[in-house]
Amino acid sequence: MYNPSSPQESDGWTSGAPAADRATGPRTTGRTDRAQGASADRREESLPVGGAASAPGGLSALETAILQVQVREVEESLDATLLTDGEGLILAASPRLHSALGWESGSLAGLLADEVIVPPDAADELVAMRESLLSAEVGADPYTWEGYVVCSDRSRIRARMQGRRVGIAGNNALWCAFEPLPDLLGLATGDSGREIDGVLVVDREGIITTANRQAEELFGYSHGDLVGRRVETLVPDDVAEHHPQLREAQGYGAKGPLDLHRTVRGRRQDGSVIPLEVHLSELEGSGDVGVCAVLRDLSGVERRQHEADAARSDFIHTVHRELRAPLTSMIGLAERIEGSAEAVDASMVSHFVDVVTRNARRELHLVEDLLLVTAVQAGTVVVTPQPCHARGPVLSAISDRAEAAVHRRVGVDVDLRRAPAVSADSELLRKCVDQLVSNAMKFASAGGTVVCTWRAEEDAWC
C-alpha cells in the first residue's frame, strides 16, 4: 500500500504563520450548491471514513479499509496535505493545511477542492492535473503545479502543489501536498514567523493583480479594493510621476529577491504617508504577472527608535547626575584641604578622608553598575554562585547607602534574623539589594523608614 506520509519530507507551511492572522478574518465556507449536492450524494452511497468525508462509493471492503488508513494518515500528518477523490471531493485534510488556509479544523472535508482551494483562473490547470494523475499508475511520479491557492477569506497564497494517485485498482483517491514558495512566503512571514507582511503582485503595466488582506489594511483599503488599481496609487505625489520609470528600471529583468531592505514611503487611502520596507521579486514563469512586492510597515520601528533614543537620553542624564555628585564632593574636600592645610586639624582631615573614601567607593560601584548593565544587554554576564550567608551582601549594600539615608532623613530598619544561607554570586546579590534599597530611599518621604527583611515565598526567599 502506498504510504501518504512518505513524500512529505518538504518543510511544509512555515510554522503555519499565515493562518493565525487569517483565522481572525471573515470566513467563507465555500460550500456552494454543487459542493453540497456532491457531498450529500456521496455520503448516501458510501461508507464513513473516520471523521472525514465519506469514501467513494463502489469500493470493496479491502479498498475502503485502505482508504480509511490513508485518510487517517493525512489527518495525522504534520505537513499541509489533503486527500481527494477523482472528482475533487476532499476526503481529508491535515491540521496544518486547515491552519495555513485559515479554516477551522476538519471543516474542509466534504467540500470540492476546485470550489474552496483552487482559484477560478486555475481551473484548467486543475483539470489537467487531475486527468494526468488519474491516468497514471498508483505510486507513479508526482504531478507538480505552482500557482495560487485560495484561503478561507478569499485571499491568495502562492504555493507549490505536488499530487499523486494513491490506493489500488478502483480507488481514484488523489494525495496532494502543499508548500509555500520561499521567495514569497519566506519574506511575508518575517523572521519571527508571526508577523504577516503586506504582499502585492503587480503586472508589467503597473496594475495590482493580487493583494493580501494585510496589504489592504496597511494602505487603508477595503477588501478587494486594491486589485485593479495602478501601483502608483500607493506612492506619494512627489514620487508618483516618476514611479513608472523607476519601477521599470528596478522591478524587472532579474530573478529572485531584489534590493532587499530598501526603505520607501507609501501613501494610504486617506493621504497619509507611512515608511515602508519593500522586498521585490520577479515571479519566475509568471508570464504577464510581473513583480511581487512584500511590504513591511516601519512606523512602529520608528516609534520604538524614538522611544529608545529618549530612554538613552534619560539614561545619560541619570549617569551624569549620579557620577557628578560624588566627584563634586571629593573635589570640594580636596580643594578645602589644599587651601587651608595648616588650619585643618587631624580629626577634620580624618573625616574628610573618610568622606572621600566613601564617595570613591560609590563612584566605583556606579561604574561597575554601568559595566554590569552593558554585560546584561550583551548577554555576557558571568554568574559565579557559591555558598554564602545572605546577611553579608545585604549589610554591605545597606552600609553603602547609609550616608544617603541620613541626607534624605530616611530611617533604615534591618531585620536579618531569618536571612538564610544561600548559593549565590555574593557581589551580584549585593548589587541587587543596593538597587532595591536605593529605589526605596528615593521614593520614601522625609521621616519615613525603609524596612529590610527576609520572608519565605513558596520555595524561594525574598
Protein backbone atom coordinates (compact mmCIF):
# COMPACT_ATOMS: atom_id res chain seq x y z
CA MET A 1 0.00 0.00 0.00
CA TYR A 2 1.22 3.49 -0.80
CA ASN A 3 2.03 5.44 2.34
CA PRO A 4 0.87 9.05 2.02
CA SER A 5 3.42 10.11 4.63
CA SER A 6 6.42 9.09 2.54
CA PRO A 7 6.63 12.06 0.15
CA GLN A 8 6.05 14.60 2.92
CA GLU A 9 9.68 15.42 3.52
CA SER A 10 9.35 19.09 2.49
CA ASP A 11 9.36 21.85 5.05
CA GLY A 12 5.62 22.32 4.55
CA TRP A 13 3.99 25.52 5.67
CA THR A 14 6.47 27.55 7.67
CA SER A 15 5.03 27.13 11.18
CA GLY A 16 1.57 27.83 9.77
CA ALA A 17 2.30 31.56 10.23
CA PRO A 18 -0.17 32.97 7.65
CA ALA A 19 -3.02 31.04 9.22
CA ALA A 20 -3.06 32.68 12.64
CA ASP A 21 -3.89 36.03 11.15
CA ARG A 22 -6.36 34.82 8.55
CA ALA A 23 -8.28 32.84 11.11
CA THR A 24 -9.46 36.10 12.69
CA GLY A 25 -10.96 37.41 9.44
CA PRO A 26 -14.34 36.67 7.94
CA ARG A 27 -14.72 33.07 6.91
CA THR A 28 -16.20 31.86 3.66
CA THR A 29 -17.40 28.29 3.81
CA GLY A 30 -17.03 27.82 0.08
CA ARG A 31 -19.78 25.20 0.22
CA THR A 32 -21.62 26.01 -2.98
CA ASP A 33 -24.76 24.20 -4.06
CA ARG A 34 -22.68 21.94 -6.26
CA ALA A 35 -20.35 21.09 -3.37
CA GLN A 36 -23.26 20.45 -1.04
CA GLY A 37 -25.01 18.23 -3.56
CA ALA A 38 -21.87 16.27 -4.35
CA SER A 39 -21.12 15.81 -0.67
CA ALA A 40 -24.66 14.68 0.16
CA ASP A 41 -24.91 12.23 -2.75
CA ARG A 42 -21.56 10.73 -1.93
CA ARG A 43 -22.37 10.28 1.76
CA GLU A 44 -25.57 8.45 0.88
CA GLU A 45 -23.83 5.88 -1.32
CA SER A 46 -20.60 5.29 0.60
CA LEU A 47 -19.11 4.06 3.84
CA PRO A 48 -18.00 6.56 6.53
CA VAL A 49 -14.27 7.13 6.87
CA GLY A 50 -13.43 8.31 10.39
CA GLY A 51 -14.38 11.95 10.94
CA ALA A 52 -13.71 12.90 7.33
CA ALA A 53 -15.89 12.86 4.26
CA SER A 54 -17.30 9.56 3.15
CA ALA A 55 -15.35 7.15 0.97
CA PRO A 56 -16.19 6.97 -2.74
CA GLY A 57 -18.94 4.51 -3.49
CA GLY A 58 -18.40 1.19 -5.26
CA LEU A 59 -15.30 0.22 -3.31
CA SER A 60 -14.71 -3.22 -1.89
CA ALA A 61 -14.21 -3.76 1.82
CA LEU A 62 -10.44 -4.02 1.26
CA GLU A 63 -10.31 -0.81 -0.78
CA THR A 64 -12.40 1.02 1.82
CA ALA A 65 -10.11 -0.19 4.61
CA ILE A 66 -7.06 1.04 2.68
CA LEU A 67 -8.74 4.41 2.13
CA GLN A 68 -9.53 4.66 5.83
CA VAL A 69 -5.83 4.19 6.61
CA GLN A 70 -4.89 6.87 4.06
CA VAL A 71 -7.44 9.31 5.50
CA ARG A 72 -6.11 8.73 9.00
CA GLU A 73 -2.52 9.32 7.87
CA VAL A 74 -3.49 12.61 6.19
CA GLU A 75 -5.43 13.76 9.26
CA GLU A 76 -2.41 12.99 11.47
CA SER A 77 0.18 14.44 9.08
CA LEU A 78 2.38 17.28 10.30
CA ASP A 79 2.55 18.76 6.79
CA ALA A 80 -0.03 20.58 4.67
CA THR A 81 -1.67 17.66 2.85
CA LEU A 82 -5.11 16.61 1.63
CA LEU A 83 -6.80 13.58 0.08
CA THR A 84 -9.49 13.90 -2.60
CA ASP A 85 -11.47 11.54 -4.79
CA GLY A 86 -11.27 11.54 -8.57
CA GLU A 87 -13.78 14.40 -8.86
CA GLY A 88 -12.05 16.67 -6.37
CA LEU A 89 -14.18 15.99 -3.30
CA ILE A 90 -11.95 16.49 -0.25
CA LEU A 91 -11.93 13.28 1.83
CA ALA A 92 -9.47 14.52 4.45
CA ALA A 93 -7.09 17.40 5.12
CA SER A 94 -4.29 17.76 7.65
CA PRO A 95 -4.49 20.23 10.57
CA ARG A 96 -1.60 22.24 9.10
CA LEU A 97 -3.42 22.71 5.79
CA HIS A 98 -6.53 23.87 7.65
CA SER A 99 -4.41 26.27 9.66
CA ALA A 100 -2.41 27.56 6.69
CA LEU A 101 -5.56 28.37 4.70
CA GLY A 102 -7.44 29.79 7.67
CA TRP A 103 -10.08 27.06 8.01
CA GLU A 104 -11.36 25.56 11.23
CA SER A 105 -10.03 22.09 11.89
CA GLY A 106 -11.94 19.43 9.96
CA SER A 107 -14.09 21.89 8.01
CA LEU A 108 -12.58 21.16 4.58
CA ALA A 109 -13.71 17.52 4.45
CA GLY A 110 -16.71 17.09 2.18
CA LEU A 111 -16.07 20.23 0.11
CA LEU A 112 -14.89 20.37 -3.50
CA ALA A 113 -11.28 21.43 -3.87
CA ASP A 114 -11.96 23.45 -7.02
CA GLU A 115 -14.65 25.40 -5.13
CA VAL A 116 -12.72 26.32 -2.00
CA ILE A 117 -8.97 26.00 -2.63
CA VAL A 118 -8.21 26.44 -6.33
CA PRO A 119 -8.94 29.91 -7.82
CA PRO A 120 -11.19 30.03 -10.91
CA ASP A 121 -8.37 31.16 -13.19
CA ALA A 122 -6.50 27.94 -12.39
CA ALA A 123 -9.40 25.60 -13.22
CA ASP A 124 -7.82 24.40 -16.47
CA GLU A 125 -4.60 23.57 -14.67
CA LEU A 126 -6.59 21.67 -12.05
CA VAL A 127 -8.39 19.60 -14.69
CA ALA A 128 -5.10 18.81 -16.44
CA MET A 129 -3.51 17.75 -13.17
CA ARG A 130 -6.45 15.56 -12.23
CA GLU A 131 -6.55 13.85 -15.64
CA SER A 132 -2.82 13.26 -15.54
CA LEU A 133 -3.00 11.72 -12.08
CA LEU A 134 -6.00 9.52 -12.82
CA SER A 135 -4.34 8.13 -15.95
CA ALA A 136 -1.07 7.40 -14.12
CA GLU A 137 -0.19 4.24 -12.25
CA VAL A 138 -0.57 4.22 -8.49
CA GLY A 139 2.67 5.45 -6.94
CA ALA A 140 3.93 6.99 -10.21
CA ASP A 141 5.97 10.17 -10.29
CA PRO A 142 4.08 13.09 -8.76
CA TYR A 143 2.47 15.90 -10.73
CA THR A 144 3.79 19.31 -9.62
CA TRP A 145 1.96 22.58 -10.08
CA GLU A 146 2.91 26.09 -8.97
CA GLY A 147 0.33 28.81 -8.60
CA TYR A 148 -2.09 30.38 -6.17
CA VAL A 149 -4.35 28.67 -3.66
CA VAL A 150 -7.32 30.33 -2.01
CA CYS A 151 -7.69 30.90 1.74
CA SER A 152 -10.90 30.99 3.75
CA ASP A 153 -11.06 34.80 3.50
CA ARG A 154 -10.59 34.54 -0.32
CA SER A 155 -7.07 35.96 -0.20
CA ARG A 156 -4.46 34.02 -2.16
CA ILE A 157 -1.14 32.40 -1.36
CA ARG A 158 1.36 31.41 -3.99
CA ALA A 159 2.38 27.81 -3.39
CA ARG A 160 3.70 24.63 -4.96
CA MET A 161 1.39 21.61 -5.02
CA GLN A 162 2.54 18.04 -5.52
CA GLY A 163 -0.04 15.34 -6.28
CA ARG A 164 -0.01 11.54 -6.54
CA ARG A 165 -2.57 8.90 -7.22
CA VAL A 166 -2.83 6.53 -4.26
CA GLY A 167 -4.70 3.36 -3.38
CA ILE A 168 -5.32 0.26 -5.54
CA ALA A 169 -7.35 -0.55 -8.66
CA GLY A 170 -10.79 1.01 -8.40
CA ASN A 171 -9.64 3.64 -5.89
CA ASN A 172 -9.11 7.01 -7.56
CA ALA A 173 -8.00 8.83 -4.40
CA LEU A 174 -5.51 11.61 -5.03
CA TRP A 175 -2.99 12.70 -2.42
CA CYS A 176 -1.68 16.29 -2.56
CA ALA A 177 0.89 18.19 -0.53
CA PHE A 178 1.28 21.98 -0.46
CA GLU A 179 4.31 24.09 0.35
CA PRO A 180 4.87 27.85 0.10
CA LEU A 181 7.23 29.35 -2.42
CA PRO A 182 10.24 30.58 -0.38
CA ASP A 183 10.70 33.75 -2.43
CA LEU A 184 7.24 34.94 -1.37
CA LEU A 185 6.04 33.46 1.90
CA GLY A 186 9.55 33.31 3.34
CA LEU A 187 9.56 37.09 3.28
CA ALA A 188 5.90 37.59 4.05
CA THR A 189 6.03 35.77 7.36
CA GLY A 190 9.11 37.63 8.62
CA ASP A 191 11.96 36.17 10.67
CA SER A 192 9.75 35.51 13.68
CA GLY A 193 7.14 33.57 11.69
CA ARG A 194 4.42 35.54 13.45
CA GLU A 195 4.23 38.99 11.81
CA ILE A 196 2.47 38.88 8.45
CA ASP A 197 3.52 41.50 5.90
CA GLY A 198 1.60 43.03 3.05
CA VAL A 199 2.01 41.27 -0.30
CA LEU A 200 1.20 42.80 -3.70
CA VAL A 201 1.57 41.28 -7.17
CA VAL A 202 1.89 43.89 -9.91
CA ASP A 203 1.81 43.14 -13.64
CA ARG A 204 4.13 44.71 -16.20
CA GLU A 205 1.69 47.55 -16.81
CA GLY A 206 1.78 48.54 -13.14
CA ILE A 207 -1.67 47.12 -12.34
CA ILE A 208 -2.15 45.40 -8.98
CA THR A 209 -3.42 41.89 -9.72
CA THR A 210 -3.24 40.40 -6.23
CA ALA A 211 -3.25 41.91 -2.73
CA ASN A 212 -3.48 40.08 0.56
CA ARG A 213 -5.55 41.34 3.46
CA GLN A 214 -2.50 42.72 5.25
CA ALA A 215 -1.64 44.93 2.28
CA GLU A 216 -5.22 46.22 2.16
CA GLU A 217 -5.16 47.05 5.85
CA LEU A 218 -1.69 48.58 5.55
CA PHE A 219 -2.91 51.11 2.98
CA GLY A 220 -6.39 51.54 4.50
CA TYR A 221 -8.43 49.91 1.71
CA SER A 222 -11.46 47.67 1.99
CA HIS A 223 -11.29 44.04 0.97
CA GLY A 224 -10.84 43.75 -2.80
CA ASP A 225 -10.43 47.49 -3.43
CA LEU A 226 -6.71 47.37 -4.27
CA VAL A 227 -6.90 44.85 -7.10
CA GLY A 228 -7.16 46.60 -10.46
CA ARG A 229 -5.60 49.88 -9.31
CA ARG A 230 -2.30 51.21 -10.56
CA VAL A 231 0.52 50.74 -8.09
CA GLU A 232 1.23 54.49 -8.33
CA THR A 233 -1.94 54.94 -6.24
CA LEU A 234 0.13 53.80 -3.28
CA VAL A 235 3.04 56.17 -3.98
CA PRO A 236 3.31 59.74 -2.57
CA ASP A 237 2.55 62.53 -5.05
CA ASP A 238 6.14 63.77 -5.21
CA VAL A 239 7.29 60.35 -6.46
CA ALA A 240 4.26 59.09 -8.41
CA GLU A 241 5.11 60.96 -11.62
CA HIS A 242 8.48 59.25 -11.99
CA HIS A 243 7.50 55.94 -10.43
CA PRO A 244 6.71 54.08 -13.72
CA GLN A 245 10.26 54.67 -14.96
CA LEU A 246 11.68 53.73 -11.56
CA ARG A 247 9.53 50.59 -11.47
CA GLU A 248 10.62 49.56 -14.94
CA ALA A 249 14.27 50.09 -14.06
CA GLN A 250 14.26 48.25 -10.73
CA GLY A 251 11.33 45.84 -10.84
CA TYR A 252 12.11 43.69 -13.87
CA GLY A 253 14.95 41.92 -15.54
CA ALA A 254 16.17 39.90 -12.56
CA LYS A 255 15.14 36.72 -10.82
CA GLY A 256 14.76 36.29 -7.10
CA PRO A 257 14.87 38.97 -4.36
CA LEU A 258 15.87 42.46 -5.43
CA ASP A 259 17.11 45.44 -3.42
CA LEU A 260 16.41 43.92 -0.01
CA HIS A 261 15.90 46.27 2.96
CA ARG A 262 15.06 49.17 0.69
CA THR A 263 13.11 51.84 2.59
CA VAL A 264 10.41 53.75 0.72
CA ARG A 265 7.33 55.82 1.50
CA GLY A 266 3.80 54.66 0.85
CA ARG A 267 0.54 56.60 0.59
CA ARG A 268 -2.54 55.37 2.39
CA GLN A 269 -6.06 55.89 1.09
CA ASP A 270 -6.57 58.81 3.50
CA GLY A 271 -3.50 60.55 2.04
CA SER A 272 -1.19 59.94 4.99
CA VAL A 273 2.34 58.76 4.25
CA ILE A 274 3.97 55.82 6.03
CA PRO A 275 7.54 54.46 5.95
CA LEU A 276 7.85 51.02 4.39
CA GLU A 277 10.48 48.37 3.86
CA VAL A 278 9.98 46.71 0.48
CA HIS A 279 11.29 43.43 -0.90
CA LEU A 280 10.92 42.98 -4.65
CA SER A 281 10.97 39.69 -6.52
CA GLU A 282 10.17 38.88 -10.12
CA LEU A 283 7.96 35.81 -10.27
CA GLU A 284 9.63 33.16 -12.37
CA GLY A 285 7.44 31.76 -15.09
CA SER A 286 4.77 34.30 -14.23
CA GLY A 287 4.18 35.46 -17.82
CA ASP A 288 2.48 38.82 -17.55
CA VAL A 289 2.13 38.72 -13.75
CA GLY A 290 5.37 40.63 -13.18
CA VAL A 291 6.68 41.51 -9.75
CA CYS A 292 5.81 40.54 -6.20
CA ALA A 293 6.35 43.22 -3.54
CA VAL A 294 6.46 42.29 0.14
CA LEU A 295 5.87 45.37 2.31
CA ARG A 296 6.58 45.93 5.99
CA ASP A 297 5.28 48.94 7.91
CA LEU A 298 8.18 50.70 9.65
CA SER A 299 6.00 53.13 11.62
CA GLY A 300 6.32 51.00 14.73
CA VAL A 301 10.06 50.65 14.18
CA GLU A 302 10.48 54.44 14.02
CA ARG A 303 8.36 54.88 17.14
CA ARG A 304 10.41 52.32 19.03
CA GLN A 305 13.57 54.04 17.79
CA HIS A 306 12.35 57.37 19.18
CA GLU A 307 11.47 55.69 22.48
CA ALA A 308 14.92 54.08 22.60
CA ASP A 309 16.57 57.45 21.90
CA ALA A 310 14.53 59.07 24.69
CA ALA A 311 15.45 56.27 27.11
CA ARG A 312 19.11 56.64 26.12
CA SER A 313 18.98 60.37 26.79
CA ASP A 314 17.36 59.80 30.20
CA PHE A 315 19.99 57.20 31.00
CA ILE A 316 22.85 59.52 30.06
CA HIS A 317 21.30 62.32 32.15
CA THR A 318 20.95 60.00 35.15
CA VAL A 319 24.51 58.71 34.80
CA HIS A 320 25.82 62.26 34.54
CA ARG A 321 23.99 63.29 37.72
CA GLU A 322 24.96 60.19 39.69
CA LEU A 323 28.62 60.37 38.69
CA ARG A 324 28.87 64.13 39.14
CA ALA A 325 27.63 64.24 42.75
CA PRO A 326 30.41 62.18 44.42
CA LEU A 327 33.08 63.71 42.18
CA THR A 328 31.98 67.23 43.16
CA SER A 329 32.11 66.30 46.84
CA MET A 330 35.58 64.78 46.56
CA ILE A 331 36.98 67.71 44.58
CA GLY A 332 35.48 70.19 47.05
CA LEU A 333 37.07 68.46 50.05
CA ALA A 334 40.42 68.18 48.30
CA GLU A 335 40.42 71.90 47.46
CA ARG A 336 39.50 72.81 51.05
CA ILE A 337 42.36 70.75 52.44
CA GLU A 338 44.74 72.20 49.86
CA GLY A 339 43.71 75.81 50.58
CA SER A 340 43.97 75.61 54.37
CA ALA A 341 46.08 72.61 55.15
CA GLU A 342 47.68 74.19 58.27
CA ALA A 343 44.31 75.26 59.71
CA VAL A 344 42.71 71.84 59.43
CA ASP A 345 43.32 69.62 62.44
CA ALA A 346 43.93 65.89 62.29
CA SER A 347 40.37 64.89 63.21
CA MET A 348 38.95 67.04 60.42
CA VAL A 349 41.41 65.52 57.93
CA SER A 350 40.37 62.06 59.06
CA HIS A 351 36.71 62.97 58.48
CA PHE A 352 37.50 64.37 55.04
CA VAL A 353 39.44 61.23 54.10
CA ASP A 354 36.52 59.09 55.24
CA VAL A 355 34.10 61.10 53.08
CA VAL A 356 36.41 60.93 50.06
CA THR A 357 36.82 57.17 50.52
CA ARG A 358 33.06 56.57 50.68
CA ASN A 359 32.45 58.73 47.62
CA ALA A 360 35.24 56.99 45.73
CA ARG A 361 33.68 53.62 46.53
CA ARG A 362 30.30 54.93 45.45
CA GLU A 363 31.86 56.10 42.19
CA LEU A 364 33.42 52.68 41.71
CA HIS A 365 30.07 50.97 42.33
CA LEU A 366 28.37 53.24 39.79
CA VAL A 367 30.96 52.38 37.16
CA GLU A 368 30.59 48.68 37.98
CA ASP A 369 26.81 49.00 37.66
CA LEU A 370 27.23 50.55 34.22
CA LEU A 371 29.51 47.72 33.17
CA LEU A 372 27.00 45.20 34.54
CA VAL A 373 24.13 46.76 32.56
CA THR A 374 26.26 46.61 29.42
CA ALA A 375 27.11 42.96 30.08
CA VAL A 376 23.45 42.09 30.72
CA GLN A 377 22.41 43.69 27.42
CA ALA A 378 25.20 41.85 25.61
CA GLY A 379 24.37 38.55 27.31
CA THR A 380 27.90 38.16 28.67
CA VAL A 381 27.21 38.27 32.41
CA VAL A 382 29.22 35.66 34.29
CA VAL A 383 27.46 34.36 37.41
CA THR A 384 29.63 32.55 39.95
CA PRO A 385 27.36 31.04 42.62
CA GLN A 386 28.92 29.74 45.80
CA PRO A 387 27.68 29.07 49.34
CA CYS A 388 27.35 32.28 51.36
CA HIS A 389 25.18 33.78 54.05
CA ALA A 390 22.77 36.35 52.67
CA ARG A 391 23.32 38.67 55.65
CA GLY A 392 26.81 39.76 54.47
CA PRO A 393 25.94 41.13 50.99
CA VAL A 394 22.76 42.74 52.32
CA LEU A 395 24.50 44.55 55.17
CA SER A 396 27.23 45.68 52.77
CA ALA A 397 24.67 47.20 50.42
CA ILE A 398 22.81 48.94 53.25
CA SER A 399 26.07 50.31 54.64
CA ASP A 400 26.91 51.84 51.27
CA ARG A 401 23.58 53.73 51.41
CA ALA A 402 23.92 54.96 55.00
CA GLU A 403 25.06 58.47 54.03
CA ALA A 404 22.23 58.79 51.50
CA ALA A 405 19.74 57.76 54.18
CA VAL A 406 20.99 60.48 56.53
CA HIS A 407 20.93 63.07 53.74
CA ARG A 408 17.32 62.19 52.81
CA ARG A 409 16.31 61.88 56.50
CA VAL A 410 15.10 58.33 55.91
CA GLY A 411 15.45 55.64 58.55
CA VAL A 412 16.58 52.11 57.74
CA ASP A 413 15.17 49.21 59.77
CA VAL A 414 17.12 45.98 59.27
CA ASP A 415 15.83 42.58 60.39
CA LEU A 416 18.01 39.78 59.05
CA ARG A 417 17.49 37.23 61.78
CA ARG A 418 15.84 34.88 59.29
CA ALA A 419 18.32 35.51 56.47
CA PRO A 420 19.30 32.08 55.14
CA ALA A 421 22.49 30.57 53.81
CA VAL A 422 22.23 30.54 50.03
CA SER A 423 24.13 29.55 46.92
CA ALA A 424 24.59 32.83 45.05
CA ASP A 425 27.03 35.24 43.49
CA SER A 426 27.57 37.44 46.54
CA GLU A 427 28.64 40.52 44.53
CA LEU A 428 25.64 40.34 42.20
CA LEU A 429 23.41 39.82 45.24
CA ARG A 430 24.89 42.94 46.83
CA LYS A 431 24.25 44.94 43.67
CA CYS A 432 20.63 43.78 43.51
CA VAL A 433 19.98 44.71 47.14
CA ASP A 434 21.80 48.03 46.65
CA GLN A 435 19.44 48.95 43.79
CA LEU A 436 16.38 47.93 45.81
CA VAL A 437 17.45 49.98 48.83
CA SER A 438 18.41 52.95 46.65
CA ASN A 439 14.99 52.98 44.94
CA ALA A 440 13.21 52.60 48.28
CA MET A 441 15.05 55.63 49.67
CA LYS A 442 14.28 57.73 46.59
CA PHE A 443 10.55 57.16 46.94
CA ALA A 444 10.40 57.32 50.74
CA SER A 445 9.23 60.62 52.19
CA ALA A 446 11.35 62.52 54.73
CA GLY A 447 10.92 60.94 58.15
CA GLY A 448 9.91 57.61 56.62
CA THR A 449 11.55 54.25 57.12
CA VAL A 450 12.92 51.66 54.72
CA VAL A 451 12.50 48.13 56.10
CA CYS A 452 14.93 45.42 55.02
CA THR A 453 13.92 41.88 55.94
CA TRP A 454 13.51 38.38 54.54
CA ARG A 455 10.45 36.20 54.10
CA ALA A 456 9.70 32.81 52.61
CA GLU A 457 7.80 32.84 49.30
CA GLU A 458 6.77 29.27 48.39
CA ASP A 459 10.12 27.64 47.53
CA ALA A 460 12.12 30.88 47.45
CA TRP A 461 13.40 33.58 49.78
CA CYS A 462 12.79 37.28 49.12
